[in-house]
C-alpha atoms as a PDB file:
ATOM      1  CA  MET A   1      -0.307  -0.110  -0.200  1.00  0.00           C
ATOM      2  CA  SER A   2       1.169   3.561  -1.252  1.00  0.00           C
ATOM      3  CA  ASP A   3       2.527   5.878   2.306  1.00  0.00           C
ATOM      4  CA  ARG A   4      -0.483   8.489   0.455  1.00  0.00           C
ATOM      5  CA  VAL A   5      -3.692   5.434   0.578  1.00  0.00           C
ATOM      6  CA  LEU A   6      -1.959   4.102   4.285  1.00  0.00           C
ATOM      7  CA  ASN A   7      -2.493   8.168   5.639  1.00  0.00           C
ATOM      8  CA  ASP A   8      -5.705   8.416   3.748  1.00  0.00           C
ATOM      9  CA  SER A   9      -7.095   5.111   4.710  1.00  0.00           C
ATOM     10  CA  ASP A  10      -6.078   6.456   8.325  1.00  0.00           C
ATOM     11  CA  ILE A  11      -7.327   9.508   8.209  1.00  0.00           C
ATOM     12  CA  LEU A  12     -11.145   7.981   6.856  1.00  0.00           C
ATOM     13  CA  PHE A  13     -10.539   5.488   9.781  1.00  0.00           C
ATOM     14  CA  GLU A  14     -10.183   8.402  12.258  1.00  0.00           C
ATOM     15  CA  ILE A  15     -13.746  10.023  10.547  1.00  0.00           C
ATOM     16  CA  PHE A  16     -15.604   7.236  10.340  1.00  0.00           C
ATOM     17  CA  ASP A  17     -14.588   5.952  13.992  1.00  0.00           C
ATOM     18  CA  VAL A  18     -16.884   8.559  15.579  1.00  0.00           C
ATOM     19  CA  ASN A  19     -16.730   6.826  19.333  1.00  0.00           C
ATOM     20  CA  GLY A  20     -12.916   6.397  19.157  1.00  0.00           C
ATOM     21  CA  THR A  21     -13.194   2.836  20.037  1.00  0.00           C
ATOM     22  CA  GLY A  22     -10.709   1.751  17.139  1.00  0.00           C
ATOM     23  CA  TYR A  23     -13.457  -0.230  15.161  1.00  0.00           C
ATOM     24  CA  LEU A  24     -16.585   0.517  13.286  1.00  0.00           C
ATOM     25  CA  ASN A  25     -19.554  -0.936  14.227  1.00  0.00           C
ATOM     26  CA  LEU A  26     -22.966  -0.789  13.131  1.00  0.00           C
ATOM     27  CA  GLU A  27     -23.641   2.279  15.174  1.00  0.00           C
ATOM     28  CA  SER A  28     -20.751   4.606  13.718  1.00  0.00           C
ATOM     29  CA  LEU A  29     -21.160   3.649  10.712  1.00  0.00           C
ATOM     30  CA  GLN A  30     -25.064   4.962  10.726  1.00  0.00           C
ATOM     31  CA  GLN A  31     -23.754   8.475  12.212  1.00  0.00           C
ATOM     32  CA  VAL A  32     -21.190   8.766   9.179  1.00  0.00           C
ATOM     33  CA  ASN A  33     -24.011   7.150   6.973  1.00  0.00           C
ATOM     34  CA  ALA A  34     -26.735  10.169   7.913  1.00  0.00           C
ATOM     35  CA  GLU A  35     -24.206  12.393   8.325  1.00  0.00           C
ATOM     36  CA  LEU A  36     -23.491  11.552   4.627  1.00  0.00           C
ATOM     37  CA  GLY A  37     -27.422  11.956   3.029  1.00  0.00           C
ATOM     38  CA  GLU A  38     -27.992   7.898   4.219  1.00  0.00           C
ATOM     39  CA  MET A  39     -26.604   7.113   0.916  1.00  0.00           C
ATOM     40  CA  LEU A  40     -26.386   3.245   2.285  1.00  0.00           C
ATOM     41  CA  SER A  41     -29.232   1.258   4.141  1.00  0.00           C
ATOM     42  CA  ASP A  42     -29.069  -0.442   7.719  1.00  0.00           C
ATOM     43  CA  GLU A  43     -29.517  -4.004   5.764  1.00  0.00           C
ATOM     44  CA  ASP A  44     -26.110  -3.137   3.487  1.00  0.00           C
ATOM     45  CA  LEU A  45     -24.787  -1.618   6.645  1.00  0.00           C
ATOM     46  CA  THR A  46     -25.115  -4.977   8.080  1.00  0.00           C
ATOM     47  CA  ASP A  47     -23.998  -6.500   5.005  1.00  0.00           C
ATOM     48  CA  ILE A  48     -20.399  -4.771   5.080  1.00  0.00           C
ATOM     49  CA  LEU A  49     -20.013  -5.492   8.830  1.00  0.00           C
ATOM     50  CA  ARG A  50     -21.280  -8.966   8.763  1.00  0.00           C
ATOM     51  CA  GLU A  51     -18.275 -10.369   7.493  1.00  0.00           C
ATOM     52  CA  ALA A  52     -15.754  -8.286   9.924  1.00  0.00           C
ATOM     53  CA  GLY A  53     -17.070 -10.267  13.447  1.00  0.00           C
ATOM     54  CA  PRO A  54     -18.593  -9.008  16.005  1.00  0.00           C
ATOM     55  CA  ASP A  55     -16.490  -6.181  17.192  1.00  0.00           C
ATOM     56  CA  GLY A  56     -16.278  -4.210  13.612  1.00  0.00           C
ATOM     57  CA  ILE A  57     -14.035  -3.500  11.347  1.00  0.00           C
ATOM     58  CA  CYS A  58     -10.356  -2.899  12.964  1.00  0.00           C
ATOM     59  CA  LYS A  59      -7.914  -0.562  11.290  1.00  0.00           C
ATOM     60  CA  GLU A  60      -5.744  -3.765   9.880  1.00  0.00           C
ATOM     61  CA  GLU A  61      -9.764  -4.649   8.220  1.00  0.00           C
ATOM     62  CA  PHE A  62     -10.222  -1.027   6.919  1.00  0.00           C
ATOM     63  CA  HIS A  63      -6.742  -0.398   5.693  1.00  0.00           C
ATOM     64  CA  ARG A  64      -7.124  -3.733   3.603  1.00  0.00           C
ATOM     65  CA  ARG A  65     -10.450  -3.474   2.014  1.00  0.00           C
ATOM     66  CA  ILE A  66      -9.159   0.176   0.898  1.00  0.00           C
ATOM     67  CA  LEU A  67      -5.973  -1.676  -0.449  1.00  0.00           C
ATOM     68  CA  VAL A  68      -8.171  -4.171  -2.616  1.00  0.00           C
ATOM     69  CA  ASP A  69     -10.661  -0.937  -3.537  1.00  0.00           C
ATOM     70  CA  SER A  70      -7.064   0.552  -4.971  1.00  0.00           C
ATOM     71  CA  GLU A  71      -6.187  -2.027  -6.799  1.00  0.00           C
ATOM     72  CA  SER A  72      -9.240  -2.934  -8.624  1.00  0.00           C
ATOM     73  CA  ARG A  73      -9.632   0.624 -10.182  1.00  0.00           C
END
């Protein structure tokens, strides 16, 4: 992962981690989603988190997902 992508994903993670827990959970994704104009349904958000496990998405998983997305473009 390039330094720029890593830095950008760190910034994004901090924005999405509204509770400061180090994990993105349904509550934090719902809050950011609402601030962005509710682009995704709760069902969509739950589907995103389903793979992550009971705690949500940790920073490392978030980085991995950003990397996969940036490489697919």
